[in-house]
Protein backbone atom coordinates (compact mmCIF):
# COMPACT_ATOMS: atom_id res chain seq x y z
CA MET A 1 38.42 -30.47 -23.52
CA ARG A 2 36.80 -27.02 -23.52
CA ARG A 3 33.40 -26.70 -21.86
CA ARG A 4 30.61 -25.51 -24.15
CA ALA A 5 28.90 -22.29 -23.20
CA SER A 6 25.29 -22.66 -22.13
CA LEU A 7 22.74 -21.07 -24.45
CA ILE A 8 20.44 -20.16 -21.55
CA LYS A 9 21.68 -18.03 -18.69
CA SER A 10 21.11 -19.16 -15.15
CA PRO A 11 18.08 -17.44 -13.54
CA LEU A 12 20.54 -16.18 -10.92
CA ASP A 13 22.16 -14.07 -13.66
CA TRP A 14 18.92 -12.56 -14.95
CA HIS A 15 18.44 -8.85 -14.44
CA MET A 16 15.06 -7.34 -15.14
CA ALA A 17 14.86 -3.72 -16.20
CA ALA A 18 12.07 -2.08 -14.23
CA ALA A 19 9.60 -0.37 -16.54
CA PRO A 20 6.18 -0.11 -14.83
CA VAL A 21 3.27 0.06 -17.24
CA PRO A 22 0.61 2.79 -16.89
CA HIS A 23 -2.18 2.19 -14.40
CA PRO A 24 -5.40 0.56 -15.65
CA ALA A 25 -8.57 2.50 -16.37
CA ILE A 26 -10.21 0.70 -13.42
CA PRO A 27 -8.29 -1.47 -10.89
CA VAL A 28 -10.74 -4.39 -10.95
CA LEU A 29 -14.28 -5.11 -12.16
CA ALA A 30 -17.00 -6.96 -10.30
CA GLU A 31 -19.08 -9.31 -12.43
CA ARG A 32 -21.90 -11.73 -11.81
CA GLY A 33 -22.92 -14.16 -14.54
CA GLY A 34 -20.65 -12.37 -17.01
CA THR A 35 -22.36 -9.02 -16.44
CA GLN A 36 -20.46 -6.11 -14.93
CA LEU A 37 -22.02 -4.76 -11.75
CA LYS A 38 -22.62 -1.03 -11.49
CA THR A 39 -20.81 -0.17 -8.28
CA PRO A 40 -20.40 3.25 -6.65
CA ARG A 41 -17.03 4.97 -6.64
CA PRO A 42 -15.48 5.86 -3.27
CA THR A 43 -14.17 9.22 -2.12
CA VAL A 44 -10.56 9.20 -0.96
CA LEU A 45 -9.67 11.04 2.24
CA VAL A 46 -6.23 12.61 2.66
CA ASP A 47 -5.17 13.71 6.12
CA THR A 48 -4.69 17.48 6.31
CA ARG A 49 -1.40 17.01 8.21
CA GLU A 50 0.14 14.72 5.59
CA GLN A 51 3.53 15.98 4.39
CA ASN A 52 4.20 15.43 0.68
CA PRO A 53 0.81 13.76 0.09
CA PHE A 54 0.01 11.36 -2.68
CA ASP A 55 -1.71 12.93 -5.68
CA PHE A 56 -4.71 10.86 -6.78
CA SER A 57 -5.78 13.18 -9.62
CA ARG A 58 -4.62 10.77 -12.35
CA PHE A 59 -7.01 8.12 -10.97
CA ASP A 60 -10.08 10.26 -11.64
CA GLY A 61 -11.97 7.32 -13.17
CA TRP A 62 -11.49 5.32 -9.96
CA PHE A 63 -12.91 7.76 -7.42
CA ALA A 64 -15.85 10.09 -6.96
CA GLY A 65 -13.46 12.65 -5.51
CA VAL A 66 -10.59 13.39 -3.15
CA GLU A 67 -11.11 15.33 0.07
CA LYS A 68 -8.72 16.64 2.71
CA LYS A 69 -9.76 15.91 6.26
CA ALA A 70 -8.12 15.61 9.68
CA LEU A 71 -8.11 11.84 10.20
CA LYS A 72 -8.02 10.23 13.66
CA LEU A 73 -5.28 7.89 12.48
CA GLY A 74 -3.18 7.44 9.37
CA ASP A 75 -2.72 9.46 6.22
CA TYR A 76 -5.39 8.04 3.89
CA SER A 77 -8.81 6.44 4.14
CA ILE A 78 -12.19 6.28 2.44
CA ALA A 79 -15.14 8.55 3.19
CA GLU A 80 -17.55 6.90 5.64
CA LEU A 81 -15.00 4.13 6.28
CA GLU A 82 -12.56 6.09 8.45
CA ASP A 83 -13.06 3.65 11.35
CA PHE A 84 -12.68 0.63 9.06
CA CYS A 85 -9.69 1.42 6.83
CA VAL A 86 -6.39 3.20 7.56
CA VAL A 87 -3.28 3.70 5.43
CA GLU A 88 -0.06 5.14 6.85
CA ARG A 89 2.64 6.40 4.45
CA LYS A 90 6.35 6.76 5.21
CA ASP A 91 9.29 7.71 3.08
CA LEU A 92 12.59 6.14 4.12
CA SER A 93 13.98 8.94 6.29
CA ASP A 94 10.62 9.33 8.04
CA LEU A 95 10.42 5.58 8.64
CA VAL A 96 13.88 5.51 10.23
CA TYR A 97 13.06 8.58 12.35
CA SER A 98 9.73 7.07 13.42
CA PHE A 99 11.31 3.79 14.52
CA THR A 100 14.11 5.52 16.45
CA VAL A 101 13.60 9.09 17.69
CA GLU A 102 9.79 8.86 17.81
CA ARG A 103 9.61 5.11 18.46
CA PRO A 104 7.08 5.15 21.38
CA VAL A 105 4.69 7.38 19.40
CA PHE A 106 4.99 5.36 16.19
CA VAL A 107 4.71 1.99 17.94
CA SER A 108 1.55 3.26 19.64
CA ARG A 109 0.21 4.31 16.22
CA LEU A 110 0.92 0.87 14.73
CA ARG A 111 -0.80 -0.78 17.70
CA ARG A 112 -3.88 1.40 17.12
CA MET A 113 -3.81 0.56 13.40
CA SER A 114 -4.02 -3.15 14.27
CA ALA A 115 -7.56 -2.59 15.58
CA TYR A 116 -8.76 -1.53 12.11
CA PRO A 117 -10.16 -4.32 9.90
CA GLN A 118 -8.23 -2.92 6.92
CA ARG A 119 -4.78 -1.39 7.52
CA LEU A 120 -1.66 -0.88 5.48
CA LEU A 121 1.75 0.72 5.97
CA VAL A 122 3.20 1.97 2.67
CA ILE A 123 6.91 2.76 2.43
CA THR A 124 8.02 4.74 -0.61
CA ALA A 125 11.40 3.03 -0.86
CA ALA A 126 12.54 -0.32 -2.22
CA LEU A 127 12.87 -3.11 0.33
CA SER A 128 16.55 -3.46 -0.55
CA THR A 129 17.01 0.24 0.30
CA VAL A 130 15.33 -0.23 3.68
CA LYS A 131 17.82 -3.06 4.33
CA SER A 132 20.88 -1.03 3.18
CA SER A 133 23.02 1.48 5.09
CA TYR A 134 21.46 4.94 5.26
CA PRO A 135 23.39 7.99 4.00
CA PHE A 136 21.46 10.20 6.46
CA SER A 137 21.74 8.05 9.61
CA ASP A 138 24.03 5.55 11.33
CA VAL A 139 21.03 3.46 12.46
CA ASN A 140 21.48 -0.24 11.72
CA PRO A 141 19.05 -1.17 8.89
CA ASN A 142 18.39 -4.50 10.64
CA ARG A 143 16.73 -2.56 13.45
CA ILE A 144 14.27 -0.98 11.04
CA MET A 145 13.64 -4.21 9.11
CA GLN A 146 13.01 -6.24 12.25
CA SER A 147 10.68 -3.55 13.59
CA LEU A 148 8.61 -3.83 10.40
CA ILE A 149 8.48 -7.62 10.70
CA ALA A 150 7.55 -7.34 14.38
CA ALA A 151 4.63 -5.05 13.50
CA LEU A 152 3.55 -7.57 10.88
CA ALA A 153 3.88 -10.66 13.09
CA GLY A 154 2.83 -9.08 16.39
CA TRP A 155 -0.02 -6.82 15.31
CA ASN A 156 -0.75 -8.02 11.78
CA VAL A 157 0.04 -4.62 10.26
CA PRO A 158 1.14 -5.40 6.69
CA PHE A 159 3.61 -3.20 4.85
CA VAL A 160 4.34 -2.62 1.18
CA CYS A 161 7.55 -1.11 -0.21
CA THR A 162 7.37 0.83 -3.49
CA GLU A 163 10.41 2.07 -5.38
CA THR A 164 8.88 5.44 -6.20
CA HIS A 165 6.35 7.93 -4.89
CA GLY A 166 4.29 7.40 -8.05
CA LEU A 167 4.06 3.64 -7.51
CA GLY A 168 3.07 4.33 -3.92
CA GLU A 169 0.20 6.47 -5.20
CA GLU A 170 -1.03 3.67 -7.44
CA ILE A 171 -0.76 0.99 -4.74
CA VAL A 172 -2.69 3.09 -2.22
CA ALA A 173 -5.29 4.16 -4.80
CA SER A 174 -5.89 0.54 -5.84
CA TYR A 175 -5.99 -0.66 -2.23
CA LEU A 176 -8.56 1.95 -1.19
CA TYR A 177 -10.66 1.26 -4.29
CA GLN A 178 -10.73 -2.47 -3.64
CA VAL A 179 -11.39 -2.18 0.10
CA HIS A 180 -14.45 -0.09 -0.74
CA LEU A 181 -15.53 -2.45 -3.53
CA TYR A 182 -15.31 -5.64 -1.45
CA LEU A 183 -17.22 -4.01 1.40
CA TRP A 184 -19.93 -2.81 -1.00
CA LEU A 185 -20.25 -6.30 -2.55
CA ASP A 186 -20.49 -7.84 0.90
CA SER A 187 -23.06 -5.39 2.25
CA ASN A 188 -25.23 -5.68 -0.89
CA GLY A 189 -25.52 -9.47 -0.82
CA CYS A 190 -23.24 -10.01 -3.81
CA GLY A 191 -20.65 -12.08 -1.96
CA ARG A 192 -17.05 -11.21 -1.28
CA TYR A 193 -15.61 -11.98 -4.70
CA LEU A 194 -15.07 -10.12 -7.95
CA ALA A 195 -16.35 -12.56 -10.55
CA ASP A 196 -18.08 -15.96 -10.54
CA ASN A 197 -15.72 -18.50 -8.92
CA ASP A 198 -12.90 -15.96 -8.85
CA LEU A 199 -11.16 -14.25 -5.93
């Protein structure tokens, strides 16, 4: 007897076509009692030594401005919060180079990042690409992956992988916006949440 074909494919066979939607007008809103709070917009800082920097111009409604400045650590931060928040950006080849040729320097940088209350390592490559063989190097991808996990587990330095430079820009822009917002809510007696009984 012939087996009948299933009408619904197994989830293991599903393939989603990536089609990121445009960024929102504002990442998140803070409300109290159903009323939106008027909160200040932060100024993004971009390190003057950053190679191929993120362009935050399309997020003009999110920020008061973008300034270039020599930061003590990392590639991005928020004005007046440089000692509180640090974001380091790496593309794939730079990440591999940093964890091999410049390993002592980069490991020291990650250790210093762990002292910041807010820290994030952003990699502008898909996680599957980080875990795949590199066309530009014979370094074992497991070495790079396990180094990332070690930084996460050992020093609590989280990392985010984004498939494109543009998605990296949006992730970092949203992260910096929300770090500033939560700190402002906290320091102004509003509580560390966005809306009543939420987050």
